[in-house]
Amino acid sequence: MFDRLSAYAPQALAVLRIVAALLFIAHGTQKLLGFPAAEFAPPAFSIFWFAGVIEIITGVMIGVGFFTRPAAFIASGTMAFAYWMAHAPANFFPVNNGGDAAILFCFFFLYLVFAGPGTWSVNKQ
């Protein structure tokens, strides 16, 4: 029965890509626009500000499937950098240092580098 579900893998990947991109964009808009409600607003041109810019731009690119692989590579590296610079020093355990989302984003975007966008993308493969 479950073997039939494999036929829908490209569509499932596209849905996962779009949802992850929307969540990623929300992280960027929170930093740059204060929406949804943010705890702090980073100063312009700070490292957190650049992270917000990268999150919005690569999030939109990944969401619509435009140059998904390079955008995902940049987003993955950004999340790895964010984890080791901002989260890991706070605590060893990701659930305690708030870095679990950064890890998931990092590895999902790394997967997209190899898997591509799936269906429903601007740059259809």
PDB file of N, CA and C in Angstrom:
ATOM      1  N   MET A   1       0.811  -1.190   0.000  1.00  0.00           N
ATOM      2  CA  MET A   1       0.000   0.000   0.000  1.00  0.00           C
ATOM      3  C   MET A   1       0.865   1.269   0.000  1.00  0.00           C
ATOM      4  N   PHE A   2       1.867   1.292   0.860  1.00  0.00           N
ATOM      5  CA  PHE A   2       2.689   2.497   0.967  1.00  0.00           C
ATOM      6  C   PHE A   2       3.594   2.693  -0.234  1.00  0.00           C
ATOM      7  N   ASP A   3       3.834   1.625  -1.001  1.00  0.00           N
ATOM      8  CA  ASP A   3       4.658   1.753  -2.199  1.00  0.00           C
ATOM      9  C   ASP A   3       4.040   2.721  -3.204  1.00  0.00           C
ATOM     10  N   ARG A   4       2.735   2.804  -3.240  1.00  0.00           N
ATOM     11  CA  ARG A   4       2.058   3.713  -4.163  1.00  0.00           C
ATOM     12  C   ARG A   4       2.326   5.179  -3.826  1.00  0.00           C
ATOM     13  N   LEU A   5       2.627   5.443  -2.591  1.00  0.00           N
ATOM     14  CA  LEU A   5       2.886   6.823  -2.175  1.00  0.00           C
ATOM     15  C   LEU A   5       4.164   7.383  -2.781  1.00  0.00           C
ATOM     16  N   SER A   6       5.088   6.517  -3.174  1.00  0.00           N
ATOM     17  CA  SER A   6       6.345   6.966  -3.772  1.00  0.00           C
ATOM     18  C   SER A   6       6.121   7.776  -5.040  1.00  0.00           C
ATOM     19  N   ALA A   7       5.020   7.545  -5.703  1.00  0.00           N
ATOM     20  CA  ALA A   7       4.714   8.296  -6.921  1.00  0.00           C
ATOM     21  C   ALA A   7       4.509   9.784  -6.630  1.00  0.00           C
ATOM     22  N   TYR A   8       4.178  10.094  -5.395  1.00  0.00           N
ATOM     23  CA  TYR A   8       3.924  11.490  -5.007  1.00  0.00           C
ATOM     24  C   TYR A   8       5.121  12.153  -4.325  1.00  0.00           C
ATOM     25  N   ALA A   9       6.272  11.503  -4.342  1.00  0.00           N
ATOM     26  CA  ALA A   9       7.466  12.048  -3.683  1.00  0.00           C
ATOM     27  C   ALA A   9       7.856  13.423  -4.218  1.00  0.00           C
ATOM     28  N   PRO A  10       7.848  13.682  -5.527  1.00  0.00           N
ATOM     29  CA  PRO A  10       8.216  15.021  -6.006  1.00  0.00           C
ATOM     30  C   PRO A  10       7.272  16.119  -5.501  1.00  0.00           C
ATOM     31  N   GLN A  11       5.982  15.805  -5.420  1.00  0.00           N
ATOM     32  CA  GLN A  11       5.023  16.780  -4.910  1.00  0.00           C
ATOM     33  C   GLN A  11       5.207  16.992  -3.406  1.00  0.00           C
ATOM     34  N   ALA A  12       5.462  15.913  -2.680  1.00  0.00           N
ATOM     35  CA  ALA A  12       5.689  16.036  -1.239  1.00  0.00           C
ATOM     36  C   ALA A  12       6.942  16.865  -0.962  1.00  0.00           C
ATOM     37  N   LEU A  13       7.987  16.663  -1.761  1.00  0.00           N
ATOM     38  CA  LEU A  13       9.206  17.457  -1.618  1.00  0.00           C
ATOM     39  C   LEU A  13       8.911  18.926  -1.883  1.00  0.00           C
ATOM     40  N   ALA A  14       8.104  19.207  -2.899  1.00  0.00           N
ATOM     41  CA  ALA A  14       7.767  20.598  -3.212  1.00  0.00           C
ATOM     42  C   ALA A  14       6.991  21.247  -2.071  1.00  0.00           C
ATOM     43  N   VAL A  15       6.046  20.527  -1.489  1.00  0.00           N
ATOM     44  CA  VAL A  15       5.282  21.065  -0.354  1.00  0.00           C
ATOM     45  C   VAL A  15       6.211  21.330   0.826  1.00  0.00           C
ATOM     46  N   LEU A  16       7.093  20.389   1.122  1.00  0.00           N
ATOM     47  CA  LEU A  16       8.055  20.565   2.209  1.00  0.00           C
ATOM     48  C   LEU A  16       8.961  21.760   1.942  1.00  0.00           C
ATOM     49  N   ARG A  17       9.424  21.897   0.703  1.00  0.00           N
ATOM     50  CA  ARG A  17      10.273  23.031   0.315  1.00  0.00           C
ATOM     51  C   ARG A  17       9.549  24.353   0.520  1.00  0.00           C
ATOM     52  N   ILE A  18       8.303  24.435   0.094  1.00  0.00           N
ATOM     53  CA  ILE A  18       7.532  25.681   0.202  1.00  0.00           C
ATOM     54  C   ILE A  18       7.259  26.038   1.664  1.00  0.00           C
ATOM     55  N   VAL A  19       6.863  25.057   2.465  1.00  0.00           N
ATOM     56  CA  VAL A  19       6.584  25.320   3.885  1.00  0.00           C
ATOM     57  C   VAL A  19       7.855  25.742   4.617  1.00  0.00           C
ATOM     58  N   ALA A  20       8.956  25.043   4.365  1.00  0.00           N
ATOM     59  CA  ALA A  20      10.224  25.417   5.009  1.00  0.00           C
ATOM     60  C   ALA A  20      10.639  26.824   4.589  1.00  0.00           C
ATOM     61  N   ALA A  21      10.447  27.155   3.323  1.00  0.00           N
ATOM     62  CA  ALA A  21      10.804  28.497   2.841  1.00  0.00           C
ATOM     63  C   ALA A  21       9.960  29.570   3.525  1.00  0.00           C
ATOM     64  N   LEU A  22       8.674  29.317   3.696  1.00  0.00           N
ATOM     65  CA  LEU A  22       7.810  30.291   4.378  1.00  0.00           C
ATOM     66  C   LEU A  22       8.247  30.509   5.820  1.00  0.00           C
ATOM     67  N   LEU A  23       8.609  29.427   6.495  1.00  0.00           N
ATOM     68  CA  LEU A  23       9.115  29.557   7.871  1.00  0.00           C
ATOM     69  C   LEU A  23      10.438  30.313   7.901  1.00  0.00           C
ATOM     70  N   PHE A  24      11.276  30.052   6.917  1.00  0.00           N
ATOM     71  CA  PHE A  24      12.576  30.727   6.835  1.00  0.00           C
ATOM     72  C   PHE A  24      12.393  32.217   6.578  1.00  0.00           C
ATOM     73  N   ILE A  25      11.467  32.555   5.687  1.00  0.00           N
ATOM     74  CA  ILE A  25      11.164  33.961   5.410  1.00  0.00           C
ATOM     75  C   ILE A  25      10.671  34.649   6.683  1.00  0.00           C
ATOM     76  N   ALA A  26       9.843  33.951   7.462  1.00  0.00           N
ATOM     77  CA  ALA A  26       9.329  34.531   8.705  1.00  0.00           C
ATOM     78  C   ALA A  26      10.456  34.870   9.676  1.00  0.00           C
ATOM     79  N   HIS A  27      11.512  34.051   9.700  1.00  0.00           N
ATOM     80  CA  HIS A  27      12.664  34.365  10.549  1.00  0.00           C
ATOM     81  C   HIS A  27      13.343  35.651  10.074  1.00  0.00           C
ATOM     82  N   GLY A  28      13.431  35.827   8.761  1.00  0.00           N
ATOM     83  CA  GLY A  28      14.048  37.034   8.216  1.00  0.00           C
ATOM     84  C   GLY A  28      13.196  38.275   8.443  1.00  0.00           C
ATOM     85  N   THR A  29      11.886  38.167   8.225  1.00  0.00           N
ATOM     86  CA  THR A  29      11.026  39.338   8.427  1.00  0.00           C
ATOM     87  C   THR A  29      10.956  39.713   9.905  1.00  0.00           C
ATOM     88  N   GLN A  30      11.096  38.736  10.762  1.00  0.00           N
ATOM     89  CA  GLN A  30      11.120  39.032  12.196  1.00  0.00           C
ATOM     90  C   GLN A  30      12.334  39.888  12.547  1.00  0.00           C
ATOM     91  N   LYS A  31      13.471  39.577  11.938  1.00  0.00           N
ATOM     92  CA  LYS A  31      14.684  40.351  12.212  1.00  0.00           C
ATOM     93  C   LYS A  31      14.623  41.748  11.595  1.00  0.00           C
ATOM     94  N   LEU A  32      14.167  41.824  10.346  1.00  0.00           N
ATOM     95  CA  LEU A  32      14.239  43.100   9.624  1.00  0.00           C
ATOM     96  C   LEU A  32      13.010  43.981   9.780  1.00  0.00           C
ATOM     97  N   LEU A  33      11.838  43.373   9.890  1.00  0.00           N
ATOM     98  CA  LEU A  33      10.600  44.149   9.911  1.00  0.00           C
ATOM     99  C   LEU A  33       9.872  44.099  11.245  1.00  0.00           C
ATOM    100  N   GLY A  34      10.362  43.258  12.154  1.00  0.00           N
ATOM    101  CA  GLY A  34       9.691  43.123  13.441  1.00  0.00           C
ATOM    102  C   GLY A  34       8.371  42.384  13.322  1.00  0.00           C
ATOM    103  N   PHE A  35       8.169  41.651  12.231  1.00  0.00           N
ATOM    104  CA  PHE A  35       6.941  40.891  12.039  1.00  0.00           C
ATOM    105  C   PHE A  35       7.273  39.460  11.672  1.00  0.00           C
ATOM    106  N   PRO A  36       6.694  38.467  12.306  1.00  0.00           N
ATOM    107  CA  PRO A  36       5.858  38.608  13.493  1.00  0.00           C
ATOM    108  C   PRO A  36       6.669  39.139  14.670  1.00  0.00           C
ATOM    109  N   ALA A  37       5.986  39.553  15.698  1.00  0.00           N
ATOM    110  CA  ALA A  37       6.597  40.268  16.825  1.00  0.00           C
ATOM    111  C   ALA A  37       7.992  39.740  17.158  1.00  0.00           C
ATOM    112  N   ALA A  38       8.932  40.656  17.213  1.00  0.00           N
ATOM    113  CA  ALA A  38      10.328  40.303  17.477  1.00  0.00           C
ATOM    114  C   ALA A  38      10.754  40.777  18.853  1.00  0.00           C
ATOM    115  N   GLU A  39      11.703  40.037  19.440  1.00  0.00           N
ATOM    116  CA  GLU A  39      12.237  40.414  20.745  1.00  0.00           C
ATOM    117  C   GLU A  39      13.264  41.529  20.636  1.00  0.00           C
ATOM    118  N   PHE A  40      13.926  41.617  19.490  1.00  0.00           N
ATOM    119  CA  PHE A  40      14.914  42.673  19.304  1.00  0.00           C
ATOM    120  C   PHE A  40      14.997  43.010  17.824  1.00  0.00           C
ATOM    121  N   ALA A  41      15.443  44.212  17.549  1.00  0.00           N
ATOM    122  CA  ALA A  41      15.665  44.638  16.163  1.00  0.00           C
ATOM    123  C   ALA A  41      17.166  44.838  15.996  1.00  0.00           C
ATOM    124  N   PRO A  42      17.794  44.061  15.134  1.00  0.00           N
ATOM    125  CA  PRO A  42      19.242  44.201  14.974  1.00  0.00           C
ATOM    126  C   PRO A  42      19.588  45.510  14.270  1.00  0.00           C
ATOM    127  N   PRO A  43      20.704  46.095  14.627  1.00  0.00           N
ATOM    128  CA  PRO A  43      21.141  47.315  13.940  1.00  0.00           C
ATOM    129  C   PRO A  43      21.433  47.019  12.466  1.00  0.00           C
ATOM    130  N   ALA A  44      21.199  48.002  11.632  1.00  0.00           N
ATOM    131  CA  ALA A  44      21.445  47.838  10.201  1.00  0.00           C
ATOM    132  C   ALA A  44      22.901  47.463   9.954  1.00  0.00           C
ATOM    133  N   PHE A  45      23.096  46.551   9.034  1.00  0.00           N
ATOM    134  CA  PHE A  45      24.399  46.073   8.594  1.00  0.00           C
ATOM    135  C   PHE A  45      25.157  45.291   9.666  1.00  0.00           C
ATOM    136  N   SER A  46      24.450  44.858  10.719  1.00  0.00           N
ATOM    137  CA  SER A  46      25.067  43.967  11.699  1.00  0.00           C
ATOM    138  C   SER A  46      24.986  42.536  11.160  1.00  0.00           C
ATOM    139  N   ILE A  47      25.625  41.612  11.838  1.00  0.00           N
ATOM    140  CA  ILE A  47      25.613  40.223  11.387  1.00  0.00           C
ATOM    141  C   ILE A  47      24.193  39.655  11.407  1.00  0.00           C
ATOM    142  N   PHE A  48      23.389  40.042  12.395  1.00  0.00           N
ATOM    143  CA  PHE A  48      22.007  39.578  12.468  1.00  0.00           C
ATOM    144  C   PHE A  48      21.162  40.193  11.355  1.00  0.00           C
ATOM    145  N   TRP A  49      21.449  41.434  10.999  1.00  0.00           N
ATOM    146  CA  TRP A  49      20.743  42.106   9.914  1.00  0.00           C
ATOM    147  C   TRP A  49      21.022  41.383   8.590  1.00  0.00           C
ATOM    148  N   PHE A  50      22.295  41.060   8.337  1.00  0.00           N
ATOM    149  CA  PHE A  50      22.647  40.329   7.126  1.00  0.00           C
ATOM    150  C   PHE A  50      21.995  38.948   7.108  1.00  0.00           C
ATOM    151  N   ALA A  51      21.911  38.304   8.271  1.00  0.00           N
ATOM    152  CA  ALA A  51      21.233  37.008   8.345  1.00  0.00           C
ATOM    153  C   ALA A  51      19.774  37.157   7.928  1.00  0.00           C
ATOM    154  N   GLY A  52      19.115  38.216   8.371  1.00  0.00           N
ATOM    155  CA  GLY A  52      17.729  38.462   7.984  1.00  0.00           C
ATOM    156  C   GLY A  52      17.577  38.677   6.487  1.00  0.00           C
ATOM    157  N   VAL A  53      18.502  39.414   5.909  1.00  0.00           N
ATOM    158  CA  VAL A  53      18.472  39.644   4.457  1.00  0.00           C
ATOM    159  C   VAL A  53      18.630  38.314   3.721  1.00  0.00           C
ATOM    160  N   ILE A  54      19.592  37.518   4.145  1.00  0.00           N
ATOM    161  CA  ILE A  54      19.819  36.221   3.510  1.00  0.00           C
ATOM    162  C   ILE A  54      18.596  35.323   3.677  1.00  0.00           C
ATOM    163  N   GLU A  55      17.986  35.322   4.853  1.00  0.00           N
ATOM    164  CA  GLU A  55      16.816  34.482   5.099  1.00  0.00           C
ATOM    165  C   GLU A  55      15.650  34.872   4.195  1.00  0.00           C
ATOM    166  N   ILE A  56      15.437  36.154   4.004  1.00  0.00           N
ATOM    167  CA  ILE A  56      14.333  36.586   3.151  1.00  0.00           C
ATOM    168  C   ILE A  56      14.618  36.270   1.683  1.00  0.00           C
ATOM    169  N   ILE A  57      15.777  36.648   1.205  1.00  0.00           N
ATOM    170  CA  ILE A  57      16.087  36.452  -0.221  1.00  0.00           C
ATOM    171  C   ILE A  57      16.149  34.972  -0.583  1.00  0.00           C
ATOM    172  N   THR A  58      16.913  34.196   0.174  1.00  0.00           N
ATOM    173  CA  THR A  58      17.010  32.770  -0.161  1.00  0.00           C
ATOM    174  C   THR A  58      15.692  32.059   0.126  1.00  0.00           C
ATOM    175  N   GLY A  59      14.960  32.500   1.127  1.00  0.00           N
ATOM    176  CA  GLY A  59      13.652  31.909   1.415  1.00  0.00           C
ATOM    177  C   GLY A  59      12.685  32.081   0.263  1.00  0.00           C
ATOM    178  N   VAL A  60      12.652  33.275  -0.321  1.00  0.00           N
ATOM    179  CA  VAL A  60      11.781  33.509  -1.483  1.00  0.00           C
ATOM    180  C   VAL A  60      12.247  32.662  -2.654  1.00  0.00           C
ATOM    181  N   MET A  61      13.548  32.633  -2.896  1.00  0.00           N
ATOM    182  CA  MET A  61      14.080  31.843  -4.016  1.00  0.00           C
ATOM    183  C   MET A  61      13.754  30.356  -3.852  1.00  0.00           C
ATOM    184  N   ILE A  62      13.947  29.837  -2.661  1.00  0.00           N
ATOM    185  CA  ILE A  62      13.659  28.429  -2.405  1.00  0.00           C
ATOM    186  C   ILE A  62      12.157  28.181  -2.502  1.00  0.00           C
ATOM    187  N   GLY A  63      11.359  29.082  -1.978  1.00  0.00           N
ATOM    188  CA  GLY A  63       9.906  28.907  -1.987  1.00  0.00           C
ATOM    189  C   GLY A  63       9.328  28.807  -3.382  1.00  0.00           C
ATOM    190  N   VAL A  64       9.796  29.658  -4.292  1.00  0.00           N
ATOM    191  CA  VAL A  64       9.261  29.623  -5.658  1.00  0.00           C
ATOM    192  C   VAL A  64      10.041  28.660  -6.552  1.00  0.00           C
ATOM    193  N   GLY A  65      11.147  28.152  -6.051  1.00  0.00           N
ATOM    194  CA  GLY A  65      11.941  27.206  -6.827  1.00  0.00           C
ATOM    195  C   GLY A  65      12.784  27.871  -7.889  1.00  0.00           C
ATOM    196  N   PHE A  66      13.349  29.020  -7.564  1.00  0.00           N
ATOM    197  CA  PHE A  66      14.190  29.766  -8.490  1.00  0.00           C
ATOM    198  C   PHE A  66      15.637  29.638  -8.043  1.00  0.00           C
ATOM    199  N   PHE A  67      16.468  28.965  -8.832  1.00  0.00           N
ATOM    200  CA  PHE A  67      17.854  28.669  -8.452  1.00  0.00           C
ATOM    201  C   PHE A  67      17.890  28.057  -7.049  1.00  0.00           C
ATOM    202  N   THR A  68      17.075  27.031  -6.880  1.00  0.00           N
ATOM    203  CA  THR A  68      16.899  26.408  -5.563  1.00  0.00           C
ATOM    204  C   THR A  68      18.201  25.872  -4.995  1.00  0.00           C
ATOM    205  N   ARG A  69      18.982  25.192  -5.809  1.00  0.00           N
ATOM    206  CA  ARG A  69      20.208  24.567  -5.285  1.00  0.00           C
ATOM    207  C   ARG A  69      21.207  25.589  -4.752  1.00  0.00           C
ATOM    208  N   PRO A  70      21.563  26.644  -5.516  1.00  0.00           N
ATOM    209  CA  PRO A  70      22.501  27.622  -4.944  1.00  0.00           C
ATOM    210  C   PRO A  70      21.912  28.385  -3.760  1.00  0.00           C
ATOM    211  N   ALA A  71      20.614  28.705  -3.835  1.00  0.00           N
ATOM    212  CA  ALA A  71      19.978  29.414  -2.713  1.00  0.00           C
ATOM    213  C   ALA A  71      19.975  28.537  -1.473  1.00  0.00           C
ATOM    214  N   ALA A  72      19.685  27.251  -1.639  1.00  0.00           N
ATOM    215  CA  ALA A  72      19.676  26.324  -0.509  1.00  0.00           C
ATOM    216  C   ALA A  72      21.074  26.146   0.067  1.00  0.00           C
ATOM    217  N   PHE A  73      22.086  26.153  -0.797  1.00  0.00           N
ATOM    218  CA  PHE A  73      23.465  26.039  -0.318  1.00  0.00           C
ATOM    219  C   PHE A  73      23.819  27.239   0.570  1.00  0.00           C
ATOM    220  N   ILE A  74      23.456  28.423   0.133  1.00  0.00           N
ATOM    221  CA  ILE A  74      23.729  29.636   0.923  1.00  0.00           C
ATOM    222  C   ILE A  74      22.934  29.610   2.221  1.00  0.00           C
ATOM    223  N   ALA A  75      21.649  29.233   2.143  1.00  0.00           N
ATOM    224  CA  ALA A  75      20.807  29.178   3.339  1.00  0.00           C
ATOM    225  C   ALA A  75      21.323  28.140   4.334  1.00  0.00           C
ATOM    226  N   SER A  76      21.765  26.996   3.831  1.00  0.00           N
ATOM    227  CA  SER A  76      22.297  25.954   4.699  1.00  0.00           C
ATOM    228  C   SER A  76      23.547  26.440   5.426  1.00  0.00           C
ATOM    229  N   GLY A  77      24.444  27.067   4.692  1.00  0.00           N
ATOM    230  CA  GLY A  77      25.660  27.599   5.312  1.00  0.00           C
ATOM    231  C   GLY A  77      25.360  28.690   6.321  1.00  0.00           C
ATOM    232  N   THR A  78      24.380  29.509   6.020  1.00  0.00           N
ATOM    233  CA  THR A  78      23.980  30.572   6.958  1.00  0.00           C
ATOM    234  C   THR A  78      23.485  29.969   8.262  1.00  0.00           C
ATOM    235  N   MET A  79      22.708  28.894   8.159  1.00  0.00           N
ATOM    236  CA  MET A  79      22.180  28.265   9.373  1.00  0.00           C
ATOM    237  C   MET A  79      23.265  27.544  10.151  1.00  0.00           C
ATOM    238  N   ALA A  80      24.230  26.946   9.459  1.00  0.00           N
ATOM    239  CA  ALA A  80      25.353  26.320  10.164  1.00  0.00           C
ATOM    240  C   ALA A  80      26.142  27.388  10.916  1.00  0.00           C
ATOM    241  N   PHE A  81      26.397  28.500  10.242  1.00  0.00           N
ATOM    242  CA  PHE A  81      27.114  29.617  10.872  1.00  0.00           C
ATOM    243  C   PHE A  81      26.331  30.144  12.067  1.00  0.00           C
ATOM    244  N   ALA A  82      25.018  30.323  11.896  1.00  0.00           N
ATOM    245  CA  ALA A  82      24.177  30.839  12.983  1.00  0.00           C
ATOM    246  C   ALA A  82      24.206  29.898  14.181  1.00  0.00           C
ATOM    247  N   TYR A  83      24.146  28.607  13.912  1.00  0.00           N
ATOM    248  CA  TYR A  83      24.158  27.657  15.023  1.00  0.00           C
ATOM    249  C   TYR A  83      25.441  27.759  15.826  1.00  0.00           C
ATOM    250  N   TRP A  84      26.579  27.714  15.136  1.00  0.00           N
ATOM    251  CA  TRP A  84      27.854  27.691  15.852  1.00  0.00           C
ATOM    252  C   TRP A  84      28.206  29.042  16.471  1.00  0.00           C
ATOM    253  N   MET A  85      27.733  30.121  15.896  1.00  0.00           N
ATOM    254  CA  MET A  85      28.057  31.445  16.440  1.00  0.00           C
ATOM    255  C   MET A  85      27.091  31.893  17.535  1.00  0.00           C
ATOM    256  N   ALA A  86      25.797  31.616  17.369  1.00  0.00           N
ATOM    257  CA  ALA A  86      24.807  32.168  18.293  1.00  0.00           C
ATOM    258  C   ALA A  86      24.225  31.143  19.264  1.00  0.00           C
ATOM    259  N   HIS A  87      24.090  29.909  18.843  1.00  0.00           N
ATOM    260  CA  HIS A  87      23.386  28.932  19.672  1.00  0.00           C
ATOM    261  C   HIS A  87      24.319  28.023  20.473  1.00  0.00           C
ATOM    262  N   ALA A  88      25.279  27.414  19.801  1.00  0.00           N
ATOM    263  CA  ALA A  88      26.149  26.435  20.466  1.00  0.00           C
ATOM    264  C   ALA A  88      26.868  26.987  21.694  1.00  0.00           C
ATOM    265  N   PRO A  89      27.343  28.238  21.669  1.00  0.00           N
ATOM    266  CA  PRO A  89      28.025  28.734  22.868  1.00  0.00           C
ATOM    267  C   PRO A  89      27.129  28.825  24.105  1.00  0.00           C
ATOM    268  N   ALA A  90      25.814  28.913  23.898  1.00  0.00           N
ATOM    269  CA  ALA A  90      24.899  29.066  25.028  1.00  0.00           C
ATOM    270  C   ALA A  90      24.721  27.775  25.820  1.00  0.00           C
ATOM    271  N   ASN A  91      24.717  26.630  25.124  1.00  0.00           N
ATOM    272  CA  ASN A  91      24.501  25.347  25.781  1.00  0.00           C
ATOM    273  C   ASN A  91      24.857  24.246  24.800  1.00  0.00           C
ATOM    274  N   PHE A  92      25.285  23.114  25.294  1.00  0.00           N
ATOM    275  CA  PHE A  92      25.675  22.002  24.433  1.00  0.00           C
ATOM    276  C   PHE A  92      24.481  21.403  23.697  1.00  0.00           C
ATOM    277  N   PHE A  93      23.327  21.344  24.354  1.00  0.00           N
ATOM    278  CA  PHE A  93      22.160  20.671  23.801  1.00  0.00           C
ATOM    279  C   PHE A  93      21.308  21.626  22.977  1.00  0.00           C
ATOM    280  N   PRO A  94      21.007  21.275  21.726  1.00  0.00           N
ATOM    281  CA  PRO A  94      20.232  22.157  20.853  1.00  0.00           C
ATOM    282  C   PRO A  94      18.866  22.553  21.412  1.00  0.00           C
ATOM    283  N   VAL A  95      18.190  21.651  22.107  1.00  0.00           N
ATOM    284  CA  VAL A  95      16.882  22.021  22.660  1.00  0.00           C
ATOM    285  C   VAL A  95      17.015  23.049  23.778  1.00  0.00           C
ATOM    286  N   ASN A  96      18.178  23.121  24.397  1.00  0.00           N
ATOM    287  CA  ASN A  96      18.409  24.101  25.462  1.00  0.00           C
ATOM    288  C   ASN A  96      18.991  25.412  24.945  1.00  0.00           C
ATOM    289  N   ASN A  97      19.648  25.385  23.785  1.00  0.00           N
ATOM    290  CA  ASN A  97      20.266  26.615  23.285  1.00  0.00           C
ATOM    291  C   ASN A  97      19.437  27.283  22.190  1.00  0.00           C
ATOM    292  N   GLY A  98      18.262  26.722  21.883  1.00  0.00           N
ATOM    293  CA  GLY A  98      17.389  27.324  20.882  1.00  0.00           C
ATOM    294  C   GLY A  98      17.841  27.106  19.455  1.00  0.00           C
ATOM    295  N   GLY A  99      18.765  26.191  19.239  1.00  0.00           N
ATOM    296  CA  GLY A  99      19.322  25.998  17.912  1.00  0.00           C
ATOM    297  C   GLY A  99      18.726  24.855  17.123  1.00  0.00           C
ATOM    298  N   ASP A 100      17.678  24.221  17.649  1.00  0.00           N
ATOM    299  CA  ASP A 100      17.120  23.074  16.931  1.00  0.00           C
ATOM    300  C   ASP A 100      16.550  23.474  15.571  1.00  0.00           C
ATOM    301  N   ALA A 101      15.919  24.632  15.470  1.00  0.00           N
ATOM    302  CA  ALA A 101      15.398  25.084  14.167  1.00  0.00           C
ATOM    303  C   ALA A 101      16.547  25.345  13.193  1.00  0.00           C
ATOM    304  N   ALA A 102      17.620  25.940  13.677  1.00  0.00           N
ATOM    305  CA  ALA A 102      18.775  26.210  12.811  1.00  0.00           C
ATOM    306  C   ALA A 102      19.359  24.912  12.264  1.00  0.00           C
ATOM    307  N   ILE A 103      19.417  23.878  13.092  1.00  0.00           N
ATOM    308  CA  ILE A 103      19.939  22.585  12.641  1.00  0.00           C
ATOM    309  C   ILE A 103      19.020  21.977  11.589  1.00  0.00           C
ATOM    310  N   LEU A 104      17.722  22.003  11.848  1.00  0.00           N
ATOM    311  CA  LEU A 104      16.775  21.441  10.871  1.00  0.00           C
ATOM    312  C   LEU A 104      16.829  22.193   9.552  1.00  0.00           C
ATOM    313  N   PHE A 105      16.826  23.525   9.607  1.00  0.00           N
ATOM    314  CA  PHE A 105      16.941  24.312   8.381  1.00  0.00           C
ATOM    315  C   PHE A 105      18.236  23.970   7.648  1.00  0.00           C
ATOM    316  N   CYS A 106      19.336  23.911   8.381  1.00  0.00           N
ATOM    317  CA  CYS A 106      20.632  23.636   7.783  1.00  0.00           C
ATOM    318  C   CYS A 106      20.625  22.330   7.010  1.00  0.00           C
ATOM    319  N   PHE A 107      20.151  21.270   7.628  1.00  0.00           N
ATOM    320  CA  PHE A 107      20.202  19.969   6.973  1.00  0.00           C
ATOM    321  C   PHE A 107      19.116  19.795   5.920  1.00  0.00           C
ATOM    322  N   PHE A 108      17.965  20.420   6.097  1.00  0.00           N
ATOM    323  CA  PHE A 108      16.966  20.342   5.040  1.00  0.00           C
ATOM    324  C   PHE A 108      17.445  21.083   3.796  1.00  0.00           C
ATOM    325  N   PHE A 109      17.993  22.284   3.987  1.00  0.00           N
ATOM    326  CA  PHE A 109      18.482  23.028   2.836  1.00  0.00           C
ATOM    327  C   PHE A 109      19.669  22.318   2.181  1.00  0.00           C
ATOM    328  N   LEU A 110      20.506  21.684   2.981  1.00  0.00           N
ATOM    329  CA  LEU A 110      21.597  20.889   2.414  1.00  0.00           C
ATOM    330  C   LEU A 110      21.034  19.742   1.565  1.00  0.00           C
ATOM    331  N   TYR A 111      19.958  19.124   2.026  1.00  0.00           N
ATOM    332  CA  TYR A 111      19.302  18.074   1.236  1.00  0.00           C
ATOM    333  C   TYR A 111      18.802  18.636  -0.094  1.00  0.00           C
ATOM    334  N   LEU A 112      18.223  19.840  -0.073  1.00  0.00           N
ATOM    335  CA  LEU A 112      17.732  20.445  -1.316  1.00  0.00           C
ATOM    336  C   LEU A 112      18.851  20.694  -2.322  1.00  0.00           C
ATOM    337  N   VAL A 113      20.055  20.952  -1.836  1.00  0.00           N
ATOM    338  CA  VAL A 113      21.186  21.132  -2.743  1.00  0.00           C
ATOM    339  C   VAL A 113      21.340  19.896  -3.626  1.00  0.00           C
ATOM    340  N   PHE A 114      21.135  18.731  -3.061  1.00  0.00           N
ATOM    341  CA  PHE A 114      21.303  17.485  -3.797  1.00  0.00           C
ATOM    342  C   PHE A 114      20.017  17.008  -4.472  1.00  0.00           C
ATOM    343  N   ALA A 115      18.867  17.226  -3.828  1.00  0.00           N
ATOM    344  CA  ALA A 115      17.600  16.707  -4.343  1.00  0.00           C
ATOM    345  C   ALA A 115      16.958  17.624  -5.375  1.00  0.00           C
ATOM    346  N   GLY A 116      17.253  18.901  -5.305  1.00  0.00           N
ATOM    347  CA  GLY A 116      16.584  19.842  -6.180  1.00  0.00           C
ATOM    348  C   GLY A 116      15.236  20.243  -5.601  1.00  0.00           C
ATOM    349  N   PRO A 117      14.476  21.042  -6.342  1.00  0.00           N
ATOM    350  CA  PRO A 117      13.255  21.625  -5.790  1.00  0.00           C
ATOM    351  C   PRO A 117      12.025  20.733  -5.806  1.00  0.00           C
ATOM    352  N   GLY A 118      12.057  19.620  -6.527  1.00  0.00           N
ATOM    353  CA  GLY A 118      10.842  18.841  -6.704  1.00  0.00           C
ATOM    354  C   GLY A 118      10.009  19.498  -7.794  1.00  0.00           C
ATOM    355  N   THR A 119       8.720  19.230  -7.796  1.00  0.00           N
ATOM    356  CA  THR A 119       7.844  19.842  -8.817  1.00  0.00           C
ATOM    357  C   THR A 119       7.432  21.236  -8.358  1.00  0.00           C
ATOM    358  N   TRP A 120       6.650  21.878  -9.166  1.00  0.00           N
ATOM    359  CA  TRP A 120       6.096  23.196  -8.845  1.00  0.00           C
ATOM    360  C   TRP A 120       7.184  24.205  -8.548  1.00  0.00           C
ATOM    361  N   SER A 121       8.145  24.311  -9.425  1.00  0.00           N
ATOM    362  CA  SER A 121       9.217  25.285  -9.247  1.00  0.00           C
ATOM    363  C   SER A 121       9.374  26.115 -10.530  1.00  0.00           C
ATOM    364  N   VAL A 122       9.870  27.316 -10.373  1.00  0.00           N
ATOM    365  CA  VAL A 122      10.098  28.197 -11.515  1.00  0.00           C
ATOM    366  C   VAL A 122      11.123  27.588 -12.464  1.00  0.00           C
ATOM    367  N   ASN A 123      12.228  27.095 -11.916  1.00  0.00           N
ATOM    368  CA  ASN A 123      13.264  26.426 -12.716  1.00  0.00           C
ATOM    369  C   ASN A 123      13.004  24.925 -12.713  1.00  0.00           C
ATOM    370  N   LYS A 124      12.027  24.504 -13.464  1.00  0.00           N
ATOM    371  CA  LYS A 124      11.708  23.083 -13.490  1.00  0.00           C
ATOM    372  C   LYS A 124      12.868  22.281 -14.052  1.00  0.00           C
ATOM    373  N   GLN A 125      13.171  21.165 -13.436  1.00  0.00           N
ATOM    374  CA  GLN A 125      14.296  20.334 -13.863  1.00  0.00           C
ATOM    375  C   GLN A 125      13.929  19.477 -15.031  1.00  0.00           C
TER     376      GLN A 125
END
